[in-house]
Protein backbone atom coordinates (compact mmCIF):
# COMPACT_ATOMS: atom_id res chain seq x y z
CA MET A 1 105.63 103.15 97.57
CA TRP A 2 107.65 100.38 99.17
CA PHE A 3 107.51 97.79 101.98
CA ASN A 4 110.28 97.69 104.57
CA ASP A 5 110.66 96.46 108.15
CA GLY A 6 107.10 95.14 108.20
CA ILE A 7 105.72 98.57 107.26
CA TRP A 8 104.32 100.15 104.10
CA TRP A 9 105.86 103.53 103.17
CA GLY A 10 104.99 106.16 100.60
CA ASN A 11 106.56 109.18 98.95
CA LEU A 12 103.60 111.58 99.09
CA TRP A 13 102.83 115.25 98.67
CA ASP A 14 102.45 117.05 102.00
CA THR A 15 99.85 119.82 101.75
CA ALA A 16 101.02 121.49 104.96
CA SER A 17 104.62 122.07 103.84
CA SER A 18 103.95 122.05 100.07
CA ASP A 19 106.62 119.49 99.30
CA PHE A 20 107.08 115.72 99.18
CA HIS A 21 107.70 113.71 102.35
CA ILE A 22 108.11 110.08 103.38
CA PHE A 23 104.86 108.85 104.97
CA ARG A 24 104.37 105.69 107.03
CA PHE A 25 101.19 103.65 106.66
CA ASN A 26 99.60 102.67 109.97
CA ALA A 27 97.73 99.46 109.20
CA ALA A 28 96.04 99.41 112.60
CA THR A 29 94.35 102.79 112.05
CA ASN A 30 94.26 102.53 108.25
CA SER A 31 95.90 105.96 107.98
CA TRP A 32 99.13 107.67 106.89
CA VAL A 33 101.63 109.32 109.22
CA ASN A 34 103.99 112.04 107.99
CA THR A 35 107.58 111.26 109.06
CA GLY A 36 108.69 114.81 108.22
CA VAL A 37 111.53 113.58 105.96
CA ALA A 38 111.48 115.57 102.72
CA THR A 39 112.25 113.92 99.38
CA GLU A 40 111.63 116.82 97.00
CA THR A 41 110.88 120.52 97.55
CA GLN A 42 109.67 121.24 94.02
CA ALA A 43 106.04 120.98 93.06
CA ASN A 44 105.16 119.76 89.56
CA THR A 45 107.53 116.83 89.86
CA HIS A 46 107.00 113.13 89.37
CA HIS A 47 109.01 110.40 91.09
CA ASP A 48 110.09 106.79 90.90
CA VAL A 49 111.05 105.02 94.13
CA LEU A 50 113.25 101.97 94.69
CA TRP A 51 113.96 100.18 97.99
CA ASP A 52 116.80 97.65 97.67
CA GLY A 53 116.69 96.29 101.24
CA THR A 54 119.29 98.71 102.54
CA THR A 55 118.97 102.00 100.71
CA LEU A 56 116.00 104.03 99.49
CA PHE A 57 116.41 105.68 96.08
CA VAL A 58 114.02 108.46 95.07
CA ALA A 59 114.32 109.70 91.47
CA SER A 60 112.63 113.05 90.92
CA TYR A 61 112.03 114.91 87.66
CA ARG A 62 110.04 117.82 86.28
CA PHE A 63 107.52 116.47 83.79
CA VAL A 64 106.07 117.63 80.48
CA ASN A 65 102.49 116.87 79.59
CA ASP A 66 101.59 113.96 77.38
CA GLY A 67 102.58 114.55 73.74
CA LEU A 68 104.90 117.51 74.37
CA PRO A 69 108.67 117.42 73.65
CA PHE A 70 111.32 117.41 76.37
CA GLU A 71 112.67 120.71 77.70
CA PRO A 72 116.35 121.18 78.61
CA ASN A 73 117.81 122.77 81.76
CA PHE A 74 115.57 121.07 84.29
CA PRO A 75 117.72 118.79 86.47
CA SER A 76 116.42 115.30 87.30
CA THR A 77 117.80 114.09 90.63
CA MET A 78 118.22 110.84 92.55
CA ARG A 79 118.32 111.09 96.34
CA ARG A 80 119.55 108.23 98.54
CA TYR A 81 118.34 107.52 102.10
CA SER A 82 119.54 105.14 104.82
CA TYR A 83 117.10 103.47 107.23
CA ASN A 84 117.39 103.02 111.00
CA SER A 85 115.28 100.05 112.07
CA SER A 86 115.48 101.03 115.76
CA THR A 87 113.97 104.48 115.26
CA LYS A 88 112.02 103.64 112.08
CA THR A 89 113.51 106.69 110.38
CA TYR A 90 115.12 107.56 107.05
CA THR A 91 118.13 109.86 106.70
CA LEU A 92 119.34 111.57 103.51
CA LEU A 93 122.72 110.25 102.36
CA GLY A 94 123.18 112.44 99.31
CA SER A 95 121.90 113.33 95.85
CA ALA A 96 123.16 113.37 92.28
CA ARG A 97 121.89 114.55 88.90
CA ILE A 98 120.66 111.87 86.47
CA HIS A 99 120.11 114.21 83.51
CA ASN A 100 119.12 117.83 82.84
CA ASN A 101 115.76 117.66 81.14
CA LYS A 102 112.05 117.96 81.77
CA VAL A 103 110.53 114.70 80.44
CA GLU A 104 107.20 112.86 80.43
CA THR A 105 108.30 109.80 82.46
CA MET A 106 111.41 108.28 83.98
CA SER A 107 111.98 104.96 85.75
CA ILE A 108 114.86 103.43 87.72
CA ASP A 109 116.03 99.98 88.81
CA LYS A 110 119.19 98.39 90.22
CA ASP A 111 121.17 95.60 88.56
CA SER A 112 122.94 92.65 90.21
CA THR A 113 126.25 94.57 90.39
CA GLY A 114 124.62 97.35 92.42
CA ARG A 115 124.47 99.95 89.68
CA VAL A 116 121.25 101.95 89.27
CA TRP A 117 119.85 102.49 85.77
CA ALA A 118 117.39 105.10 84.51
CA THR A 119 115.49 105.51 81.25
CA TRP A 120 113.36 108.19 79.61
CA GLN A 121 112.41 109.53 76.16
CA GLN A 122 114.28 112.59 74.95
CA GLY A 123 114.17 114.13 71.47
CA ASN A 124 112.24 111.14 70.09
CA ARG A 125 114.93 108.69 71.23
CA ILE A 126 115.00 106.26 74.15
CA PHE A 127 117.70 107.42 76.55
CA LEU A 128 119.51 105.66 79.40
CA ASN A 129 121.98 106.45 82.14
CA VAL A 130 123.67 104.40 84.86
CA THR A 131 125.65 105.06 88.02
CA THR A 132 129.39 104.63 87.76
CA ASP A 133 129.56 102.05 90.56
CA GLY A 134 127.52 100.16 93.12
CA THR A 135 127.31 103.06 95.59
CA GLY A 136 124.84 104.98 93.47
CA THR A 137 126.59 108.27 94.27
CA THR A 138 127.66 109.33 90.76
CA TRP A 139 125.94 109.11 87.39
CA GLY A 140 127.62 108.80 84.02
CA ALA A 141 126.70 110.65 80.83
CA PRO A 142 123.23 109.96 79.38
CA PHE A 143 123.19 108.09 76.08
CA ALA A 144 120.63 106.96 73.50
CA HIS A 145 119.83 103.29 73.08
CA PRO A 146 122.00 102.19 70.12
CA ALA A 147 119.27 100.46 68.08
CA SER A 148 117.49 102.28 65.26
CA LEU A 149 114.16 101.02 66.61
CA SER A 150 114.72 103.29 69.61
CA ASN A 151 113.73 106.16 67.32
CA VAL A 152 110.20 106.89 68.53
CA SER A 153 107.52 109.58 68.60
CA VAL A 154 107.21 112.47 71.02
CA ASP A 155 104.40 110.56 72.77
CA ASP A 156 106.46 107.46 73.57
CA THR A 157 107.95 106.43 76.92
CA SER A 158 110.16 103.71 78.40
CA ALA A 159 110.75 101.71 81.60
CA VAL A 160 113.57 99.57 83.00
CA ILE A 161 113.50 96.39 85.06
CA ALA A 162 116.23 94.20 86.56
CA PHE A 163 115.77 90.47 86.03
CA GLY A 164 117.65 87.18 85.91
CA GLY A 165 119.23 87.39 89.39
CA ALA A 166 122.77 86.86 90.63
CA GLY A 167 125.01 85.13 88.08
CA ASN A 168 122.56 85.83 85.26
CA GLY A 169 121.65 89.43 85.94
CA LYS A 170 120.30 91.64 83.20
CA MET A 171 118.70 95.07 82.90
CA GLY A 172 115.73 95.15 80.56
CA VAL A 173 114.20 98.20 78.93
CA MET A 174 110.77 98.33 77.31
CA TRP A 175 109.49 101.21 75.22
CA SER A 176 106.50 102.11 73.13
CA ARG A 177 106.77 102.98 69.43
CA GLN A 178 103.91 104.91 67.85
CA LEU A 179 104.96 106.13 64.41
CA GLY A 180 101.73 105.14 62.67
CA ASP A 181 103.15 102.24 60.64
CA ALA A 182 103.70 98.48 60.80
CA THR A 183 106.65 98.85 63.18
CA ASP A 184 104.43 100.23 65.94
CA GLY A 185 104.37 98.19 69.12
CA MET A 186 106.07 97.59 72.47
CA TYR A 187 109.80 96.83 72.16
CA TRP A 188 112.20 95.05 74.49
CA SER A 189 115.98 95.00 74.76
CA PHE A 190 118.35 93.97 77.56
CA HIS A 191 121.85 94.62 78.85
CA VAL A 192 123.93 91.90 80.53
CA ASP A 193 125.19 93.08 83.90
CA GLY A 194 128.87 93.97 83.70
CA ALA A 195 128.95 94.49 79.93
CA SER A 196 129.76 97.82 78.30
CA ASN A 197 127.05 100.39 78.98
CA SER A 198 126.24 100.74 75.29
CA THR A 199 126.00 96.99 74.60
CA TRP A 200 122.33 96.04 74.34
CA SER A 201 120.52 93.14 72.69
CA THR A 202 118.78 93.66 69.37
CA PRO A 203 115.26 94.91 70.16
CA VAL A 204 112.38 92.48 69.76
CA ALA A 205 108.71 93.36 69.55
CA ALA A 206 106.68 92.06 72.50
CA VAL A 207 103.69 93.08 70.39
CA LYS A 208 103.82 94.64 66.95
CA GLY A 209 101.47 96.28 64.49
CA LEU A 210 99.47 99.44 64.01
CA ARG A 211 97.93 100.69 67.32
CA THR A 212 99.54 97.91 69.41
CA GLY A 213 101.65 100.39 71.36
CA ASP A 214 100.92 103.23 73.77
CA ASP A 215 102.89 105.16 76.39
CA HIS A 216 101.60 103.30 79.50
CA MET A 217 103.60 100.37 80.90
CA ASN A 218 104.34 98.78 84.28
CA LEU A 219 106.96 96.02 84.65
CA LYS A 220 107.53 93.23 87.20
CA TRP A 221 109.91 90.25 87.41
CA LEU A 222 109.12 86.90 89.04
CA ASP A 223 112.51 85.72 90.31
CA SER A 224 111.21 82.32 91.40
CA SER A 225 110.51 81.53 87.74
CA GLY A 226 113.96 82.58 86.52
CA GLY A 227 113.32 84.89 83.62
CA ARG A 228 109.61 85.66 83.49
CA VAL A 229 109.03 89.38 83.07
CA PHE A 230 105.48 90.75 83.14
CA ALA A 231 104.47 94.01 81.46
CA ALA A 232 101.06 95.58 81.97
CA THR A 233 100.66 97.81 78.92
CA LYS A 234 98.13 99.88 77.04
CA THR A 235 97.38 99.79 73.31
CA SER A 236 95.95 102.49 71.04
CA ASN A 237 93.16 100.27 69.72
CA THR A 238 89.74 101.81 69.11
CA SER A 239 87.59 98.82 68.12
CA ALA A 240 85.37 97.69 71.01
CA SER A 241 86.42 94.02 70.96
CA LEU A 242 90.20 94.61 70.81
CA PRO A 243 92.45 94.81 73.89
CA LEU A 244 93.04 98.23 75.40
CA ILE A 245 95.16 97.00 78.29
CA GLN A 246 97.02 93.70 78.20
CA LEU A 247 99.63 91.66 80.03
CA LEU A 248 102.77 90.82 78.07
CA VAL A 249 104.81 87.90 79.44
CA LEU A 250 108.46 87.16 78.61
CA ASN A 251 109.77 83.61 78.63
CA ASP A 252 113.50 84.29 78.96
CA THR A 253 114.41 80.74 78.01
CA THR A 254 112.87 81.08 74.57
CA SER A 255 113.15 84.92 74.39
CA THR A 256 109.53 85.09 73.29
CA TRP A 257 106.61 87.16 74.49
CA SER A 258 102.96 86.21 74.84
CA ALA A 259 100.03 88.63 75.13
CA HIS A 260 96.96 88.28 77.36
CA THR A 261 94.02 90.68 77.23
CA ILE A 262 93.20 92.26 80.58
CA ALA A 263 90.37 94.47 79.31
CA THR A 264 89.01 95.48 75.93
CA VAL A 265 88.27 98.91 74.49
CA SER A 266 84.59 98.45 75.39
CA GLU A 267 85.51 98.24 79.10
CA CYS A 268 87.31 101.64 78.90
CA PRO A 269 90.31 100.87 81.15
CA ASN A 270 93.32 103.12 81.68
CA ARG A 271 96.58 103.45 83.68
CA VAL A 272 97.13 99.78 84.50
CA ILE A 273 99.68 98.29 86.92
CA VAL A 274 100.46 94.65 87.73
CA MET A 275 101.42 93.16 91.12
CA ILE A 276 102.81 89.66 91.71
CA ASP A 277 101.60 87.97 94.90
CA GLU A 278 104.14 85.18 95.37
CA ALA A 279 102.41 83.58 98.37
CA ALA A 280 99.05 83.36 96.61
CA GLN A 281 100.68 82.71 93.20
CA LYS A 282 98.47 85.36 91.66
CA LEU A 283 98.84 88.26 89.27
CA ARG A 284 96.77 91.23 90.48
CA THR A 285 96.15 94.08 88.06
CA PHE A 286 94.71 97.45 88.98
CA ALA A 287 93.43 100.05 86.54
CA THR A 288 91.00 102.93 86.16
CA TYR A 289 87.57 101.98 84.79
CA PRO A 290 84.26 103.90 84.59
CA LYS A 291 82.65 104.55 87.97
CA PRO A 292 79.97 102.22 89.35
CA SER A 293 76.25 102.97 89.47
CA GLY A 294 75.03 105.21 92.25
CA THR A 295 78.00 107.59 91.98
CA THR A 296 78.48 110.90 90.20
CA ASN A 297 79.35 110.37 86.50
CA ALA A 298 78.65 106.65 86.81
CA GLY A 299 79.59 104.72 83.66
CA VAL A 300 81.27 107.68 81.95
CA CYS A 301 84.26 106.68 79.83
CA THR A 302 86.86 109.46 80.12
CA SER A 303 90.64 109.83 80.34
CA SER A 304 90.09 112.10 83.38
CA GLY A 305 89.63 109.07 85.64
CA GLY A 306 86.92 106.90 87.13
CA ALA A 307 87.27 104.25 89.85
CA VAL A 308 90.08 101.79 90.50
CA TYR A 309 89.16 98.14 89.96
CA GLU A 310 91.12 94.91 90.33
CA LYS A 311 91.33 91.96 87.95
CA SER A 312 93.39 88.97 89.06
CA THR A 313 94.47 85.62 87.62
CA PRO A 314 96.49 82.59 88.73
CA LEU A 315 100.14 82.65 87.68
CA SER A 316 99.80 79.10 86.44
CA ASN A 317 96.94 79.89 84.07
CA ILE A 318 96.83 83.51 82.97
CA ASN A 319 93.28 84.35 81.95
CA PHE A 320 91.41 87.59 82.56
CA THR A 321 87.65 87.91 82.18
CA THR A 322 85.29 90.91 82.37
CA THR A 323 84.84 90.26 86.10
CA LYS A 324 86.45 92.93 88.24
CA LYS A 325 86.23 94.22 91.81
CA ALA A 326 85.93 97.86 92.84
CA ARG A 327 88.83 98.80 95.10
CA ILE A 328 88.92 102.61 95.24
CA VAL A 329 85.77 104.64 94.61
CA ASP A 330 85.13 108.31 95.33
CA ALA A 331 81.37 108.76 95.10
CA ASN A 332 81.63 112.35 93.86
CA GLN A 333 84.97 112.61 91.99
CA TYR A 334 87.21 110.79 89.54
CA VAL A 335 90.01 108.60 90.95
CA HIS A 336 93.07 107.97 88.78
CA ASN A 337 96.76 107.00 88.55
CA VAL A 338 96.87 103.89 90.74
CA THR A 339 100.35 102.99 92.00
CA SER A 340 102.16 100.63 94.37
CA THR A 341 105.58 99.11 95.05
CA LYS A 342 108.12 97.71 92.58
CA GLN A 343 108.52 94.74 94.93
CA ASN A 344 106.66 91.46 94.62
CA LEU A 345 104.17 90.87 97.45
CA ASN A 346 104.33 88.40 100.33
CA SER A 347 107.82 87.23 99.42
CA ALA A 348 110.67 86.69 101.89
CA ALA A 349 113.17 87.04 99.05
CA TRP A 350 111.88 90.54 98.30
CA GLY A 351 111.66 91.51 101.98
CA THR A 352 107.88 91.59 101.80
CA ALA A 353 106.84 88.54 103.83
CA ASN A 354 103.28 89.07 105.11
CA SER A 355 103.11 92.43 103.36
CA GLY A 356 99.57 92.06 102.10
CA LEU A 357 98.84 94.56 99.36
CA LEU A 358 98.54 98.34 99.33
CA VAL A 359 97.73 100.50 96.32
CA LEU A 360 97.35 104.26 96.15
CA ALA A 361 95.52 106.58 93.75
CA ASP A 362 94.75 110.27 93.52
CA VAL A 363 91.70 112.50 93.18
CA ASN A 364 92.87 115.57 91.31
CA ALA A 365 89.70 117.60 91.96
CA THR A 366 90.15 117.54 95.73
CA SER A 367 93.96 117.06 95.89
CA ARG A 368 93.58 113.86 97.89
CA TYR A 369 95.16 110.44 97.96
CA TRP A 370 93.01 107.33 98.40
CA HIS A 371 94.21 103.82 99.15
CA TYR A 372 93.10 100.22 99.18
CA TYR A 373 94.71 97.89 101.73
CA ASP A 374 94.38 94.12 101.67
CA SER A 375 96.14 92.70 104.72
CA THR A 376 95.40 89.08 103.84
CA GLY A 377 98.02 88.79 101.14
CA GLY A 378 95.95 87.74 98.20
CA GLY A 379 93.03 86.22 100.06
CA GLY A 380 90.60 88.72 98.66
CA GLY A 381 90.78 91.41 101.32
CA GLY A 382 88.18 93.96 102.10
CA GLY A 383 86.84 96.77 100.05
CA ASP A 384 88.49 99.57 101.96
CA THR A 385 88.29 102.84 100.07
CA THR A 386 89.39 105.08 102.88
CA ALA A 387 91.35 108.17 101.93
CA PRO A 388 94.74 108.28 103.66
CA ILE A 389 93.79 111.23 105.81
CA VAL A 390 94.12 111.08 109.59
CA SER A 391 90.49 111.28 110.71
CA HIS A 392 91.35 113.58 113.63
CA ASP A 393 93.83 115.72 111.68
CA PHE A 394 92.21 119.13 111.95
CA ASN A 395 94.99 121.24 110.45
CA GLY A 396 96.06 119.01 107.54
CA ASP A 397 99.62 118.24 108.70
CA GLY A 398 99.15 114.46 108.69
CA ARG A 399 99.18 114.22 112.50
CA ALA A 400 96.27 113.31 114.74
CA ASP A 401 94.87 116.12 116.91
CA LEU A 402 92.54 116.36 119.91
CA LEU A 403 89.36 118.32 120.64
CA ALA A 404 88.73 119.55 124.17
CA ARG A 405 86.07 121.79 125.72
CA ASP A 406 86.95 123.68 128.87
CA SER A 407 84.60 124.43 131.78
CA SER A 408 83.68 127.85 130.34
CA GLY A 409 82.41 126.29 127.11
CA VAL A 410 85.37 127.18 124.88
CA LEU A 411 86.29 124.46 122.37
CA TRP A 412 89.96 123.97 121.52
CA SER A 413 91.84 122.07 118.80
CA HIS A 414 95.00 120.65 120.37
CA LEU A 415 97.50 120.03 117.57
CA GLY A 416 99.47 116.80 117.72
CA ASN A 417 103.19 116.79 116.92
CA GLY A 418 103.31 113.15 115.84
CA THR A 419 105.08 111.95 119.00
CA GLY A 420 102.02 111.57 121.22
CA SER A 421 101.89 115.07 122.68
CA PHE A 422 99.92 118.21 121.82
CA PRO A 423 102.09 121.28 122.49
CA THR A 424 99.95 123.93 120.78
CA ARG A 425 96.24 124.65 120.61
CA ILE A 426 93.84 126.69 118.50
CA ARG A 427 90.73 128.34 119.92
CA VAL A 428 87.73 127.07 117.94
CA GLY A 429 85.22 129.30 119.74
CA ALA A 430 83.03 129.88 122.78
CA GLY A 431 79.46 128.75 123.52
CA TRP A 432 80.07 125.05 123.05
CA ASN A 433 78.61 124.25 126.47
CA ILE A 434 75.22 124.19 124.77
CA MET A 435 76.34 120.90 123.26
CA ASN A 436 75.83 117.71 125.24
CA ALA A 437 77.65 115.47 122.76
CA ILE A 438 80.70 116.27 120.64
CA SER A 439 82.64 113.79 118.50
CA ALA A 440 85.58 114.34 116.16
CA ALA A 441 84.82 112.84 112.79
CA GLY A 442 86.54 112.03 109.55
CA ASP A 443 85.70 113.84 106.33
CA LEU A 444 81.90 114.04 106.39
CA THR A 445 81.55 116.44 103.47
CA GLY A 446 83.99 115.12 100.85
CA ASP A 447 86.32 118.13 100.85
CA GLY A 448 89.34 116.29 102.26
CA ARG A 449 89.15 117.95 105.70
CA ALA A 450 88.30 116.44 109.06
CA ASP A 451 84.95 117.52 110.53
CA LEU A 452 83.06 117.08 113.80
CA VAL A 453 79.50 116.36 114.90
CA ALA A 454 77.76 117.88 117.92
CA ARG A 455 74.28 117.62 119.46
CA ASP A 456 72.75 120.64 121.13
CA SER A 457 70.52 120.61 124.22
CA SER A 458 67.37 120.62 122.10
CA GLY A 459 68.38 117.36 120.40
CA VAL A 460 69.49 118.80 117.05
CA LEU A 461 72.57 117.15 115.57
CA TRP A 462 74.99 119.32 113.63
CA ALA A 463 77.91 118.52 111.32
CA TYR A 464 80.63 121.16 111.62
CA ARG A 465 82.80 121.52 108.55
CA GLY A 466 86.55 121.76 109.20
CA ASN A 467 88.45 124.32 107.18
CA GLY A 468 91.81 122.57 107.45
CA ASN A 469 93.38 124.96 109.95
CA GLY A 470 91.87 123.62 113.16
CA ILE A 471 88.54 125.45 113.29
CA PHE A 472 85.02 124.70 112.10
CA PRO A 473 83.42 127.93 110.81
CA THR A 474 80.26 126.52 109.17
CA ARG A 475 77.78 123.85 110.10
CA ILE A 476 75.11 121.66 108.51
CA ARG A 477 71.90 120.71 110.30
CA VAL A 478 71.73 116.93 110.28
CA GLY A 479 68.32 116.75 111.97
CA ALA A 480 66.29 116.94 115.17
CA GLY A 481 65.27 114.19 117.61
CA TRP A 482 68.80 113.02 118.38
CA ASN A 483 68.20 113.44 122.12
CA ILE A 484 66.75 109.93 122.04
CA MET A 485 70.37 108.78 121.62
CA ASN A 486 72.48 108.35 124.74
CA ALA A 487 75.71 107.56 122.87
CA ILE A 488 76.97 109.07 119.60
CA SER A 489 80.35 108.42 118.03
CA ALA A 490 81.60 109.65 114.68
CA ALA A 491 83.14 106.73 112.82
CA GLY A 492 85.19 106.13 109.74
CA ASP A 493 83.74 104.44 106.69
CA LEU A 494 81.82 101.57 108.26
CA THR A 495 80.06 100.58 105.04
CA ARG A 496 82.99 100.87 102.62
CA ASP A 497 81.26 103.32 100.30
CA GLY A 498 83.95 105.97 100.68
CA ARG A 499 81.88 108.12 103.11
CA ALA A 500 82.28 108.64 106.84
CA ASP A 501 79.48 107.25 109.05
CA LEU A 502 78.12 107.52 112.62
CA VAL A 503 77.17 105.02 115.29
CA ALA A 504 74.53 105.86 117.87
CA ARG A 505 72.68 103.99 120.63
CA ASP A 506 69.09 104.85 121.43
CA SER A 507 67.48 104.84 124.87
CA SER A 508 66.16 101.30 124.41
CA GLY A 509 69.69 99.97 123.91
CA VAL A 510 69.59 99.48 120.14
CA LEU A 511 72.79 100.41 118.33
CA TRP A 512 72.51 101.96 114.87
CA THR A 513 74.97 102.70 112.08
CA TYR A 514 74.05 105.93 110.28
CA ARG A 515 75.35 105.99 106.72
CA GLY A 516 76.94 109.26 105.63
CA ASN A 517 76.07 110.50 102.15
CA GLY A 518 79.17 112.68 101.74
CA ASN A 519 77.45 116.03 102.32
CA GLY A 520 77.37 116.03 106.11
CA THR A 521 74.07 114.27 106.61
CA PHE A 522 73.04 110.68 107.37
CA PRO A 523 69.73 109.86 105.64
CA THR A 524 69.72 106.08 106.19
CA ARG A 525 70.60 103.80 109.04
CA ILE A 526 71.38 100.12 109.69
CA ARG A 527 70.24 98.33 112.85
CA VAL A 528 73.31 96.76 114.44
CA GLY A 529 71.43 95.07 117.28
CA ALA A 530 69.78 95.37 120.70
CA GLY A 531 71.20 94.95 124.19
CA TRP A 532 73.88 97.61 123.88
CA ASN A 533 72.60 99.38 127.03
CA ILE A 534 74.85 97.01 128.99
CA MET A 535 77.72 99.14 127.64
CA ASN A 536 78.63 102.33 129.48
CA ALA A 537 81.15 103.52 126.87
CA ILE A 538 81.14 103.06 123.08
CA SER A 539 83.66 104.48 120.63
CA ALA A 540 84.33 104.09 116.92
CA ALA A 541 88.01 103.18 116.83
CA GLY A 542 89.19 102.65 113.24
CA ASP A 543 90.60 99.36 111.96
CA LEU A 544 91.86 97.62 115.10
CA THR A 545 92.20 94.14 113.60
CA GLY A 546 94.11 94.89 110.41
CA ASP A 547 91.48 93.60 108.02
CA GLY A 548 90.73 96.95 106.38
CA ARG A 549 87.37 97.35 108.14
CA GLU A 550 86.38 99.87 110.79
CA ASP A 551 85.76 98.47 114.28
CA LEU A 552 84.23 99.55 117.62
CA VAL A 553 85.36 99.36 121.21
CA ALA A 554 82.86 99.15 124.05
CA ARG A 555 83.14 98.74 127.83
CA ASP A 556 80.50 96.80 129.71
CA THR A 557 79.25 97.56 133.21
CA SER A 558 81.65 95.07 134.77
CA GLY A 559 84.64 96.94 133.32
CA VAL A 560 85.48 94.52 130.51
CA LEU A 561 86.59 96.20 127.27
CA TRP A 562 85.51 94.56 124.01
CA THR A 563 86.66 95.03 120.43
CA TYR A 564 83.77 94.59 117.99
CA ARG A 565 84.97 93.63 114.53
CA GLY A 566 83.29 95.52 111.70
CA ASN A 567 82.16 93.50 108.70
CA GLY A 568 82.33 96.38 106.22
CA ALA A 569 78.54 96.51 105.95
CA GLY A 570 77.85 98.64 109.03
CA ALA A 571 77.49 95.80 111.52
CA PHE A 572 79.80 94.18 114.09
CA PRO A 573 78.96 90.47 114.29
CA THR A 574 81.96 89.23 116.32
CA ARG A 575 83.91 90.56 119.25
CA LEU A 576 87.26 90.11 121.00
CA ARG A 577 87.83 90.49 124.75
CA ALA A 578 90.43 93.24 125.16
CA GLY A 579 90.65 92.89 128.95
CA ALA A 580 89.10 93.62 132.34
CA GLY A 581 89.60 96.51 134.74
CA TRP A 582 88.64 99.26 132.33
CA ASN A 583 86.05 100.69 134.74
CA ILE A 584 88.91 102.64 136.31
CA MET A 585 88.77 104.84 133.18
CA ASN A 586 86.17 107.60 132.98
CA ALA A 587 86.66 108.40 129.30
CA LEU A 588 87.10 106.16 126.28
CA SER A 589 87.81 107.30 122.72
């Protein structure tokens, strides 16, 4: 992921085309939009992404599973893309091979001379490569780090980070060493920009000792502090009171490292990353922990995943406690592998002024991405756990679609092309004129596909399960008695529990939020308030205010349109006047 031109971007798997594309995050709708620009056609690849302010670099490699040796004859490639700020589009400039191996991990970064570096573990040695010049078009020959301490185990990995800045630029490399002896730990070495490629400082141990190293690390550099490098790392400790994930901090002036426990073995954390919020002067860490109560497999400690939580601390006084905040929770599945940008947040120097924060994770069981977006830039944010799926995307291509019923009762899915038009349509079926209310919904059933709700003439409400190709072959009976409602609108996640909800107004004018339970039904409801019968149109509209919470729009009888700000708990306590004259419109969605 990266932030550019006031927009968050991601390199994500596209299920429709079965390859990787550049996606754009729409903060207003809290959803992802497929740009159609491919970055990798091969499945079973991992990537590292770098945006340098002008060029996008995407390093792609086939990966081996944890603990397995490298395999030769699998090219690893770096692709370069230019960006057009007028059209908000990326264009491929070219590609080049970094090395020819299938490896567990690989990371890239760019030094102050413009050369891009890469590192990985190959044959139980830490390897590096670098482009021949500042254009990034040609790579040299891979080489092993010259120090004997770069001899490691098959389970070890490495990462690079540029630090020091112009005039004092360096490229650092950190690696784990797990040989089962006193030399185990996390090691650090650096290369001075402009020096011979093979000239590296003598490695020093950021931490050292049996079980102090593991093959998980995430690096950041705080340029405003000169030489402070931060490494979120994992240990191999097994005793409950010892650190399992920790933050290692380099003081470049003294060339010494300090260690700060983020979470102990008893907290069962995994896959940690660290983000630096320069505006808030905070370090924000995100990792997988056991799922919260009330969810499937709550409290289970497993390497398969859990839920993503945040722990943060002031930069001026690094101190983590057991307090953490849930950021991404799937009620029914394990979430894992949280990721975000290499850039520091909310920093003009990094091109991320007013970026807020965006992190992404995956749910392997359902092949979905989930995200957490905090638009406030370190002010705490909301608890958005909305999956980055377009709620009205009926065919899974990442583009919003439309539903329409014709006068004969046939329902159609009109497929959007991402430019605001709908050139093709799919016939859902006939007989839909028995329905007196139809609303496109998000994923009501937890299968990663957009659904719809409809009420028949007898007052029974049905949830129709989408199959991902534009039709809805099966349905779930939500319940009877819904004819008391004179307005029904399928909503996103109004209560921030990871499940899509409904809003409905009864005949007395009371508006209700119906909480989805993830299986297509809505067993509980929250009373929003009375007096809503003054509104002649109500629609759930997504996040209109950029705070990560789902909102409503409603038009009153005088034609004034109002935006009602959701509070993340199913209610809408404040409103904004969008404008008058909306009574000229006979439909609102």
